[in-house]
Amino acid sequence: LQDRYHNTIYLTEERWQHITNALNHPELSDYEEYLKITLQKGHRRQEPLNPRKYRYYHAFDDLPDDVNHIVVIVLFGFDITESGQTVPNNYIATAFFKHIRLKD
């Protein structure tokens, strides 16, 4: 996927299984498309204690219970290819529902 800032971000099957695991956030299993929308249209904030970590969030009107946002945590980094080229390695670490109080 590409976020709204043109960064390529990926979600591995292992991470999706971690996110939707019964001990983590199984309620997200039906919301993978919303997760993608959050990256493509949502806002983001850089975590102050870890500058590689960004919190993306986006409001939705049809989420369960009293939650109104999906939050996606993305870790930004780089890898070096065998030829010595630096390439982005930005991936989704986790995601969850959250109620965020909207300003008037």
N, C-alpha and C. Protein backbone atom coordinates (compact mmCIF):
# COMPACT_ATOMS: atom_id res chain seq x y z
N LEU A 1 0.84 -1.19 0.00
CA LEU A 1 0.00 0.00 0.00
C LEU A 1 0.87 1.24 0.00
N GLN A 2 0.26 2.34 -0.41
CA GLN A 2 0.92 3.64 -0.25
C GLN A 2 0.06 4.48 0.67
N ASP A 3 0.71 5.14 1.64
CA ASP A 3 -0.04 6.03 2.50
C ASP A 3 -0.27 7.37 1.78
N ARG A 4 -0.96 8.26 2.41
CA ARG A 4 -1.28 9.54 1.78
C ARG A 4 -0.05 10.42 1.58
N TYR A 5 1.07 10.01 2.18
CA TYR A 5 2.33 10.75 2.03
C TYR A 5 3.27 10.06 1.04
N HIS A 6 2.73 9.08 0.29
CA HIS A 6 3.45 8.35 -0.76
C HIS A 6 4.52 7.40 -0.25
N ASN A 7 4.40 6.97 1.00
CA ASN A 7 5.30 5.96 1.55
C ASN A 7 4.71 4.58 1.29
N THR A 8 5.54 3.66 0.83
CA THR A 8 5.09 2.28 0.65
C THR A 8 5.14 1.57 2.00
N ILE A 9 4.02 0.93 2.35
CA ILE A 9 3.88 0.23 3.63
C ILE A 9 3.27 -1.13 3.34
N TYR A 10 3.78 -2.15 4.02
CA TYR A 10 3.22 -3.48 3.77
C TYR A 10 2.73 -4.12 5.06
N LEU A 11 1.85 -5.10 4.88
CA LEU A 11 1.28 -5.88 5.96
C LEU A 11 1.56 -7.34 5.64
N THR A 12 2.35 -8.00 6.47
CA THR A 12 2.63 -9.42 6.25
C THR A 12 1.49 -10.26 6.81
N GLU A 13 1.40 -11.47 6.32
CA GLU A 13 0.41 -12.42 6.85
C GLU A 13 0.67 -12.68 8.33
N GLU A 14 1.94 -12.76 8.71
CA GLU A 14 2.29 -12.98 10.12
C GLU A 14 1.77 -11.85 11.00
N ARG A 15 1.93 -10.62 10.56
CA ARG A 15 1.45 -9.47 11.34
C ARG A 15 -0.08 -9.45 11.40
N TRP A 16 -0.75 -9.78 10.27
CA TRP A 16 -2.21 -9.80 10.27
C TRP A 16 -2.71 -10.88 11.25
N GLN A 17 -2.07 -12.05 11.26
CA GLN A 17 -2.44 -13.10 12.20
C GLN A 17 -2.20 -12.66 13.64
N HIS A 18 -1.12 -11.92 13.87
CA HIS A 18 -0.84 -11.38 15.21
C HIS A 18 -1.93 -10.39 15.63
N ILE A 19 -2.27 -9.48 14.73
CA ILE A 19 -3.28 -8.46 15.05
C ILE A 19 -4.62 -9.12 15.38
N THR A 20 -5.05 -10.07 14.56
CA THR A 20 -6.39 -10.66 14.71
C THR A 20 -6.41 -11.88 15.63
N ASN A 21 -5.30 -12.19 16.26
CA ASN A 21 -5.23 -13.30 17.21
C ASN A 21 -6.22 -13.07 18.34
N ALA A 22 -6.78 -14.14 18.86
CA ALA A 22 -7.78 -14.05 19.93
C ALA A 22 -7.27 -13.31 21.16
N LEU A 23 -5.97 -13.30 21.40
CA LEU A 23 -5.40 -12.61 22.56
C LEU A 23 -5.12 -11.13 22.28
N ASN A 24 -5.22 -10.70 21.04
CA ASN A 24 -4.90 -9.32 20.69
C ASN A 24 -6.15 -8.55 20.26
N HIS A 25 -6.41 -8.47 18.96
CA HIS A 25 -7.53 -7.67 18.47
C HIS A 25 -8.36 -8.44 17.45
N PRO A 26 -8.98 -9.56 17.86
CA PRO A 26 -9.74 -10.38 16.91
C PRO A 26 -10.91 -9.62 16.28
N GLU A 27 -11.38 -8.58 16.95
CA GLU A 27 -12.48 -7.79 16.43
C GLU A 27 -12.14 -7.09 15.11
N LEU A 28 -10.86 -6.99 14.79
CA LEU A 28 -10.43 -6.35 13.54
C LEU A 28 -10.47 -7.29 12.33
N SER A 29 -10.75 -8.55 12.54
CA SER A 29 -10.65 -9.52 11.44
C SER A 29 -11.53 -9.17 10.25
N ASP A 30 -12.65 -8.50 10.47
CA ASP A 30 -13.55 -8.10 9.37
C ASP A 30 -13.24 -6.70 8.84
N TYR A 31 -12.15 -6.08 9.29
CA TYR A 31 -11.89 -4.68 8.97
C TYR A 31 -10.55 -4.44 8.27
N GLU A 32 -10.06 -5.43 7.54
CA GLU A 32 -8.77 -5.27 6.85
C GLU A 32 -8.84 -4.12 5.83
N GLU A 33 -9.96 -3.99 5.14
CA GLU A 33 -10.10 -2.91 4.16
C GLU A 33 -10.08 -1.54 4.85
N TYR A 34 -10.65 -1.44 6.05
CA TYR A 34 -10.63 -0.20 6.82
C TYR A 34 -9.20 0.16 7.22
N LEU A 35 -8.42 -0.87 7.53
CA LEU A 35 -7.02 -0.65 7.88
C LEU A 35 -6.30 0.01 6.70
N LYS A 36 -6.55 -0.48 5.51
CA LYS A 36 -5.95 0.10 4.30
C LYS A 36 -6.41 1.54 4.09
N ILE A 37 -7.68 1.80 4.30
CA ILE A 37 -8.21 3.17 4.16
C ILE A 37 -7.56 4.09 5.18
N THR A 38 -7.34 3.59 6.39
CA THR A 38 -6.69 4.39 7.43
C THR A 38 -5.32 4.85 6.98
N LEU A 39 -4.56 3.97 6.35
CA LEU A 39 -3.24 4.35 5.85
C LEU A 39 -3.34 5.33 4.68
N GLN A 40 -4.29 5.12 3.81
CA GLN A 40 -4.38 5.92 2.59
C GLN A 40 -5.01 7.29 2.82
N LYS A 41 -5.91 7.40 3.79
CA LYS A 41 -6.64 8.66 3.97
C LYS A 41 -6.52 9.27 5.37
N GLY A 42 -6.00 8.49 6.31
CA GLY A 42 -5.95 8.96 7.69
C GLY A 42 -4.83 9.94 7.96
N HIS A 43 -4.81 10.40 9.17
CA HIS A 43 -3.76 11.29 9.65
C HIS A 43 -2.72 10.45 10.38
N ARG A 44 -1.56 11.03 10.61
CA ARG A 44 -0.55 10.28 11.36
C ARG A 44 0.20 11.21 12.30
N ARG A 45 0.74 10.57 13.34
CA ARG A 45 1.59 11.28 14.30
C ARG A 45 2.81 10.42 14.56
N GLN A 46 3.94 11.09 14.65
CA GLN A 46 5.18 10.40 14.96
C GLN A 46 5.26 10.22 16.47
N GLU A 47 5.66 9.04 16.90
CA GLU A 47 5.79 8.77 18.33
C GLU A 47 7.03 9.50 18.85
N PRO A 48 6.91 10.28 19.92
CA PRO A 48 8.03 11.08 20.40
C PRO A 48 9.22 10.26 20.92
N LEU A 49 8.97 9.09 21.47
CA LEU A 49 10.06 8.29 22.03
C LEU A 49 10.68 7.33 21.03
N ASN A 50 10.04 7.17 19.88
CA ASN A 50 10.57 6.30 18.83
C ASN A 50 10.29 6.95 17.48
N PRO A 51 11.22 7.71 16.94
CA PRO A 51 10.96 8.45 15.70
C PRO A 51 10.71 7.57 14.48
N ARG A 52 10.95 6.26 14.57
CA ARG A 52 10.65 5.34 13.47
C ARG A 52 9.19 4.89 13.49
N LYS A 53 8.49 5.18 14.57
CA LYS A 53 7.14 4.67 14.80
C LYS A 53 6.09 5.76 14.56
N TYR A 54 5.11 5.44 13.72
CA TYR A 54 4.04 6.38 13.41
C TYR A 54 2.70 5.75 13.75
N ARG A 55 1.81 6.58 14.25
CA ARG A 55 0.45 6.17 14.60
C ARG A 55 -0.49 6.81 13.58
N TYR A 56 -1.08 5.99 12.73
CA TYR A 56 -2.08 6.46 11.76
C TYR A 56 -3.46 6.27 12.37
N TYR A 57 -4.37 7.19 12.12
CA TYR A 57 -5.72 7.05 12.65
C TYR A 57 -6.72 7.66 11.68
N HIS A 58 -7.92 7.06 11.66
CA HIS A 58 -8.97 7.51 10.76
C HIS A 58 -10.31 7.20 11.40
N ALA A 59 -11.25 8.13 11.29
CA ALA A 59 -12.59 7.95 11.85
C ALA A 59 -13.48 7.19 10.87
N PHE A 60 -14.35 6.36 11.42
CA PHE A 60 -15.36 5.63 10.65
C PHE A 60 -16.67 5.70 11.43
N ASP A 61 -17.78 5.80 10.70
CA ASP A 61 -19.10 5.90 11.34
C ASP A 61 -19.72 4.55 11.69
N ASP A 62 -19.20 3.47 11.14
CA ASP A 62 -19.87 2.18 11.28
C ASP A 62 -19.04 1.12 12.00
N LEU A 63 -18.24 1.55 12.96
CA LEU A 63 -17.45 0.60 13.75
C LEU A 63 -18.30 0.07 14.90
N PRO A 64 -17.97 -1.11 15.43
CA PRO A 64 -18.78 -1.70 16.50
C PRO A 64 -18.65 -0.96 17.83
N ASP A 65 -19.62 -1.23 18.68
CA ASP A 65 -19.66 -0.70 20.04
C ASP A 65 -19.54 0.83 20.03
N ASP A 66 -18.73 1.37 20.91
CA ASP A 66 -18.62 2.83 21.00
C ASP A 66 -17.30 3.35 20.45
N VAL A 67 -16.61 2.55 19.62
CA VAL A 67 -15.36 3.02 19.02
C VAL A 67 -15.66 3.80 17.75
N ASN A 68 -14.78 4.73 17.40
CA ASN A 68 -15.01 5.54 16.20
C ASN A 68 -13.77 5.70 15.32
N HIS A 69 -12.67 5.08 15.69
CA HIS A 69 -11.43 5.18 14.90
C HIS A 69 -10.74 3.82 14.80
N ILE A 70 -9.98 3.68 13.73
CA ILE A 70 -9.01 2.60 13.63
C ILE A 70 -7.64 3.25 13.71
N VAL A 71 -6.78 2.65 14.52
CA VAL A 71 -5.42 3.13 14.70
C VAL A 71 -4.49 2.05 14.16
N VAL A 72 -3.52 2.46 13.36
CA VAL A 72 -2.54 1.54 12.77
C VAL A 72 -1.15 2.02 13.14
N ILE A 73 -0.35 1.14 13.71
CA ILE A 73 1.02 1.47 14.09
C ILE A 73 1.95 0.95 12.99
N VAL A 74 2.76 1.87 12.44
CA VAL A 74 3.68 1.54 11.36
C VAL A 74 5.11 1.84 11.81
N LEU A 75 6.01 0.90 11.56
CA LEU A 75 7.42 1.11 11.82
C LEU A 75 8.14 1.37 10.50
N PHE A 76 8.86 2.48 10.45
CA PHE A 76 9.60 2.86 9.25
C PHE A 76 11.06 2.46 9.42
N GLY A 77 11.64 1.99 8.34
CA GLY A 77 13.05 1.61 8.38
C GLY A 77 13.60 1.42 6.98
N PHE A 78 14.81 0.89 6.91
CA PHE A 78 15.49 0.64 5.64
C PHE A 78 16.18 -0.71 5.70
N ASP A 79 16.30 -1.33 4.56
CA ASP A 79 17.09 -2.54 4.38
C ASP A 79 18.15 -2.25 3.34
N ILE A 80 19.18 -3.07 3.33
CA ILE A 80 20.23 -2.99 2.32
C ILE A 80 20.12 -4.25 1.45
N THR A 81 20.00 -4.07 0.14
CA THR A 81 19.93 -5.21 -0.77
C THR A 81 21.31 -5.84 -0.91
N GLU A 82 21.35 -6.99 -1.55
CA GLU A 82 22.63 -7.66 -1.77
C GLU A 82 23.58 -6.82 -2.61
N SER A 83 23.01 -5.94 -3.45
CA SER A 83 23.85 -5.07 -4.28
C SER A 83 24.27 -3.80 -3.54
N GLY A 84 23.86 -3.67 -2.27
CA GLY A 84 24.25 -2.51 -1.47
C GLY A 84 23.32 -1.33 -1.58
N GLN A 85 22.19 -1.52 -2.24
CA GLN A 85 21.21 -0.44 -2.40
C GLN A 85 20.33 -0.34 -1.15
N THR A 86 20.04 0.88 -0.71
CA THR A 86 19.16 1.12 0.42
C THR A 86 17.72 1.18 -0.08
N VAL A 87 16.83 0.40 0.54
CA VAL A 87 15.43 0.37 0.15
C VAL A 87 14.55 0.53 1.40
N PRO A 88 13.40 1.18 1.26
CA PRO A 88 12.50 1.34 2.40
C PRO A 88 11.98 0.00 2.91
N ASN A 89 11.77 -0.08 4.20
CA ASN A 89 11.18 -1.26 4.83
C ASN A 89 10.20 -0.75 5.88
N ASN A 90 9.00 -0.40 5.43
CA ASN A 90 7.97 0.20 6.29
C ASN A 90 6.84 -0.81 6.43
N TYR A 91 6.54 -1.22 7.66
CA TYR A 91 5.54 -2.26 7.81
C TYR A 91 4.60 -1.97 8.99
N ILE A 92 3.42 -2.57 8.89
CA ILE A 92 2.41 -2.45 9.93
C ILE A 92 2.79 -3.39 11.07
N ALA A 93 2.91 -2.83 12.27
CA ALA A 93 3.25 -3.63 13.45
C ALA A 93 1.99 -4.13 14.15
N THR A 94 0.99 -3.25 14.25
CA THR A 94 -0.27 -3.64 14.89
C THR A 94 -1.35 -2.64 14.51
N ALA A 95 -2.58 -2.95 14.90
CA ALA A 95 -3.72 -2.07 14.65
C ALA A 95 -4.77 -2.38 15.70
N PHE A 96 -5.63 -1.40 15.97
CA PHE A 96 -6.68 -1.60 16.97
C PHE A 96 -7.77 -0.55 16.81
N PHE A 97 -8.93 -0.82 17.42
CA PHE A 97 -10.02 0.14 17.50
C PHE A 97 -9.76 1.09 18.66
N LYS A 98 -10.30 2.28 18.55
CA LYS A 98 -10.17 3.24 19.65
C LYS A 98 -11.31 4.25 19.57
N HIS A 99 -11.75 4.70 20.73
CA HIS A 99 -12.69 5.83 20.76
C HIS A 99 -11.86 7.10 20.98
N ILE A 100 -11.95 8.00 20.05
CA ILE A 100 -11.25 9.28 20.16
C ILE A 100 -12.30 10.36 20.24
N ARG A 101 -12.23 11.14 21.28
CA ARG A 101 -13.19 12.22 21.47
C ARG A 101 -12.94 13.29 20.42
N LEU A 102 -13.97 13.63 19.68
CA LEU A 102 -13.86 14.61 18.61
C LEU A 102 -14.03 16.01 19.19
N LYS A 103 -13.26 16.95 18.67
CA LYS A 103 -13.37 18.34 19.12
C LYS A 103 -14.64 18.94 18.52
N ASP A 104 -15.24 19.85 19.26
CA ASP A 104 -16.47 20.52 18.79
C ASP A 104 -16.21 21.37 17.59
